[in-house]
Amino acid sequence: MQNFLFVCLGLAAGILSGMLGIGGGVILIPALVFLCGFTQHQAQGTTLAILVPPIGFLAALKYYQAGNVKLAVAVFICAGFFIGGLIGASLVQNLSDPILKKMFGVFLLIVALHTIFTK
């Protein structure tokens, strides 16, 4: 039954990612923490693990077919993300779960406020 929940979470994250361009982590991390009892570290690690396969390929293909992908830019961002992910994951391992959870919440709040109040 829990595997069905995980598939549903993935489906919801995929739909919202495809529609809004948000990272699945905005949906998955809170869901794994609040619905599934994961620690913040477990939720973030699990969400990063889903990036290993080409998980967004079909959604990106649709955007590409519509002329909405700047492929050269994506390659450079991917290279930075590859190294940045290693650095960020290394830095966060020694933080306590409550501190990491607060950092994640503040980040989401800043993004939300910026999205709501800018033109």
C-alpha atoms as a PDB file:
ATOM      1  CA  MET A   1       0.000   0.000   0.000  1.00  0.00           C
ATOM      2  CA  GLN A   2       2.853   2.391   0.792  1.00  0.00           C
ATOM      3  CA  ASN A   3       4.332   1.774  -2.672  1.00  0.00           C
ATOM      4  CA  PHE A   4       1.025   2.931  -4.171  1.00  0.00           C
ATOM      5  CA  LEU A   5       1.337   6.141  -2.132  1.00  0.00           C
ATOM      6  CA  PHE A   6       4.860   6.654  -3.482  1.00  0.00           C
ATOM      7  CA  VAL A   7       3.622   6.180  -7.068  1.00  0.00           C
ATOM      8  CA  CYS A   8       0.830   8.701  -6.422  1.00  0.00           C
ATOM      9  CA  LEU A   9       3.333  11.179  -4.983  1.00  0.00           C
ATOM     10  CA  GLY A  10       5.520  10.724  -8.054  1.00  0.00           C
ATOM     11  CA  LEU A  11       2.528  11.221 -10.333  1.00  0.00           C
ATOM     12  CA  ALA A  12       1.494  14.412  -8.525  1.00  0.00           C
ATOM     13  CA  ALA A  13       5.066  15.746  -8.567  1.00  0.00           C
ATOM     14  CA  GLY A  14       5.414  14.886 -12.248  1.00  0.00           C
ATOM     15  CA  ILE A  15       2.157  16.580 -13.208  1.00  0.00           C
ATOM     16  CA  LEU A  16       2.995  19.733 -11.258  1.00  0.00           C
ATOM     17  CA  SER A  17       6.570  19.750 -12.567  1.00  0.00           C
ATOM     18  CA  GLY A  18       5.328  19.455 -16.117  1.00  0.00           C
ATOM     19  CA  MET A  19       2.680  22.136 -15.619  1.00  0.00           C
ATOM     20  CA  LEU A  20       4.567  24.655 -13.498  1.00  0.00           C
ATOM     21  CA  GLY A  21       8.232  23.865 -14.097  1.00  0.00           C
ATOM     22  CA  ILE A  22       8.801  23.350 -10.382  1.00  0.00           C
ATOM     23  CA  GLY A  23      11.243  20.811  -9.109  1.00  0.00           C
ATOM     24  CA  GLY A  24       9.645  17.682  -7.786  1.00  0.00           C
ATOM     25  CA  GLY A  25      11.308  18.400  -4.463  1.00  0.00           C
ATOM     26  CA  VAL A  26       8.905  21.250  -3.765  1.00  0.00           C
ATOM     27  CA  ILE A  27       6.151  18.635  -3.690  1.00  0.00           C
ATOM     28  CA  LEU A  28       8.011  15.492  -2.697  1.00  0.00           C
ATOM     29  CA  ILE A  29      10.121  16.713   0.216  1.00  0.00           C
ATOM     30  CA  PRO A  30       7.191  18.060   2.275  1.00  0.00           C
ATOM     31  CA  ALA A  31       5.078  15.016   1.350  1.00  0.00           C
ATOM     32  CA  LEU A  32       7.764  12.537   2.388  1.00  0.00           C
ATOM     33  CA  VAL A  33       8.325  14.387   5.683  1.00  0.00           C
ATOM     34  CA  PHE A  34       4.688  15.055   6.623  1.00  0.00           C
ATOM     35  CA  LEU A  35       2.885  12.060   5.093  1.00  0.00           C
ATOM     36  CA  CYS A  36       5.522   9.344   5.251  1.00  0.00           C
ATOM     37  CA  GLY A  37       7.495  10.221   8.379  1.00  0.00           C
ATOM     38  CA  PHE A  38      10.853  10.672   6.623  1.00  0.00           C
ATOM     39  CA  THR A  39      13.496  12.856   8.239  1.00  0.00           C
ATOM     40  CA  GLN A  40      14.413  15.990   6.293  1.00  0.00           C
ATOM     41  CA  HIS A  41      17.716  14.380   5.298  1.00  0.00           C
ATOM     42  CA  GLN A  42      15.955  11.199   4.097  1.00  0.00           C
ATOM     43  CA  ALA A  43      13.392  13.192   2.115  1.00  0.00           C
ATOM     44  CA  GLN A  44      16.049  15.327   0.419  1.00  0.00           C
ATOM     45  CA  GLY A  45      18.302  12.349  -0.299  1.00  0.00           C
ATOM     46  CA  THR A  46      15.427  10.297  -1.714  1.00  0.00           C
ATOM     47  CA  THR A  47      14.272  13.188  -3.881  1.00  0.00           C
ATOM     48  CA  LEU A  48      17.793  13.689  -5.220  1.00  0.00           C
ATOM     49  CA  ALA A  49      17.985   9.962  -5.980  1.00  0.00           C
ATOM     50  CA  ILE A  50      15.049  10.241  -8.381  1.00  0.00           C
ATOM     51  CA  LEU A  51      17.124  12.632 -10.495  1.00  0.00           C
ATOM     52  CA  VAL A  52      19.586   9.852 -11.367  1.00  0.00           C
ATOM     53  CA  PRO A  53      17.521   8.397 -14.234  1.00  0.00           C
ATOM     54  CA  PRO A  54      16.365  10.828 -16.932  1.00  0.00           C
ATOM     55  CA  ILE A  55      13.174  11.370 -14.981  1.00  0.00           C
ATOM     56  CA  GLY A  56      12.082  14.568 -16.724  1.00  0.00           C
ATOM     57  CA  PHE A  57      12.850  13.390 -20.254  1.00  0.00           C
ATOM     58  CA  LEU A  58       9.274  13.072 -21.522  1.00  0.00           C
ATOM     59  CA  ALA A  59       8.195  16.410 -20.053  1.00  0.00           C
ATOM     60  CA  ALA A  60      11.306  18.133 -21.424  1.00  0.00           C
ATOM     61  CA  LEU A  61      10.664  16.547 -24.816  1.00  0.00           C
ATOM     62  CA  LYS A  62       7.198  18.128 -24.942  1.00  0.00           C
ATOM     63  CA  TYR A  63       8.674  21.539 -24.119  1.00  0.00           C
ATOM     64  CA  TYR A  64      11.440  20.985 -26.704  1.00  0.00           C
ATOM     65  CA  GLN A  65       8.929  20.060 -29.412  1.00  0.00           C
ATOM     66  CA  ALA A  66       7.079  23.291 -28.681  1.00  0.00           C
ATOM     67  CA  GLY A  67      10.323  25.292 -29.015  1.00  0.00           C
ATOM     68  CA  ASN A  68      10.553  26.067 -25.325  1.00  0.00           C
ATOM     69  CA  VAL A  69      13.912  24.531 -24.397  1.00  0.00           C
ATOM     70  CA  LYS A  70      17.231  26.351 -24.613  1.00  0.00           C
ATOM     71  CA  LEU A  71      19.358  23.231 -24.889  1.00  0.00           C
ATOM     72  CA  ALA A  72      22.757  24.954 -24.660  1.00  0.00           C
ATOM     73  CA  VAL A  73      21.690  26.680 -21.450  1.00  0.00           C
ATOM     74  CA  ALA A  74      20.407  23.385 -20.032  1.00  0.00           C
ATOM     75  CA  VAL A  75      23.792  21.731 -20.671  1.00  0.00           C
ATOM     76  CA  PHE A  76      25.655  24.438 -18.741  1.00  0.00           C
ATOM     77  CA  ILE A  77      23.161  24.379 -15.872  1.00  0.00           C
ATOM     78  CA  CYS A  78      23.431  20.588 -15.766  1.00  0.00           C
ATOM     79  CA  ALA A  79      27.219  20.815 -15.447  1.00  0.00           C
ATOM     80  CA  GLY A  80      26.911  23.300 -12.588  1.00  0.00           C
ATOM     81  CA  PHE A  81      24.207  21.238 -10.900  1.00  0.00           C
ATOM     82  CA  PHE A  82      26.391  18.122 -11.119  1.00  0.00           C
ATOM     83  CA  ILE A  83      29.206  19.739  -9.122  1.00  0.00           C
ATOM     84  CA  GLY A  84      26.952  21.951  -6.990  1.00  0.00           C
ATOM     85  CA  GLY A  85      24.888  18.966  -5.882  1.00  0.00           C
ATOM     86  CA  LEU A  86      28.016  17.262  -4.573  1.00  0.00           C
ATOM     87  CA  ILE A  87      29.097  20.393  -2.706  1.00  0.00           C
ATOM     88  CA  GLY A  88      25.650  21.033  -1.228  1.00  0.00           C
ATOM     89  CA  ALA A  89      25.157  17.413  -0.178  1.00  0.00           C
ATOM     90  CA  SER A  90      28.558  17.441   1.506  1.00  0.00           C
ATOM     91  CA  LEU A  91      27.820  20.656   3.406  1.00  0.00           C
ATOM     92  CA  VAL A  92      24.429  19.580   4.722  1.00  0.00           C
ATOM     93  CA  GLN A  93      25.313  16.179   6.205  1.00  0.00           C
ATOM     94  CA  ASN A  94      26.431  17.609   9.553  1.00  0.00           C
ATOM     95  CA  LEU A  95      23.402  19.855  10.062  1.00  0.00           C
ATOM     96  CA  SER A  96      20.697  18.733  12.454  1.00  0.00           C
ATOM     97  CA  ASP A  97      17.377  17.718  10.954  1.00  0.00           C
ATOM     98  CA  PRO A  98      15.441  20.602  12.600  1.00  0.00           C
ATOM     99  CA  ILE A  99      17.921  23.175  11.252  1.00  0.00           C
ATOM    100  CA  LEU A 100      17.754  21.676   7.753  1.00  0.00           C
ATOM    101  CA  LYS A 101      13.952  21.630   7.872  1.00  0.00           C
ATOM    102  CA  LYS A 102      13.896  25.315   8.870  1.00  0.00           C
ATOM    103  CA  MET A 103      16.339  26.206   6.075  1.00  0.00           C
ATOM    104  CA  PHE A 104      14.121  24.422   3.549  1.00  0.00           C
ATOM    105  CA  GLY A 105      11.010  26.202   4.854  1.00  0.00           C
ATOM    106  CA  VAL A 106      12.642  29.642   4.750  1.00  0.00           C
ATOM    107  CA  PHE A 107      13.808  28.979   1.188  1.00  0.00           C
ATOM    108  CA  LEU A 108      10.270  28.026   0.104  1.00  0.00           C
ATOM    109  CA  LEU A 109       8.844  31.087   1.876  1.00  0.00           C
ATOM    110  CA  ILE A 110      11.268  33.444   0.123  1.00  0.00           C
ATOM    111  CA  VAL A 111      10.460  31.896  -3.262  1.00  0.00           C
ATOM    112  CA  ALA A 112       6.723  32.106  -2.553  1.00  0.00           C
ATOM    113  CA  LEU A 113       6.865  35.745  -1.458  1.00  0.00           C
ATOM    114  CA  HIS A 114       8.973  36.719  -4.438  1.00  0.00           C
ATOM    115  CA  THR A 115       6.618  34.913  -6.811  1.00  0.00           C
ATOM    116  CA  ILE A 116       3.529  36.536  -5.288  1.00  0.00           C
ATOM    117  CA  PHE A 117       4.799  40.115  -4.977  1.00  0.00           C
ATOM    118  CA  THR A 118       6.868  40.687  -8.141  1.00  0.00           C
ATOM    119  CA  LYS A 119       5.505  41.593 -11.535  1.00  0.00           C
END
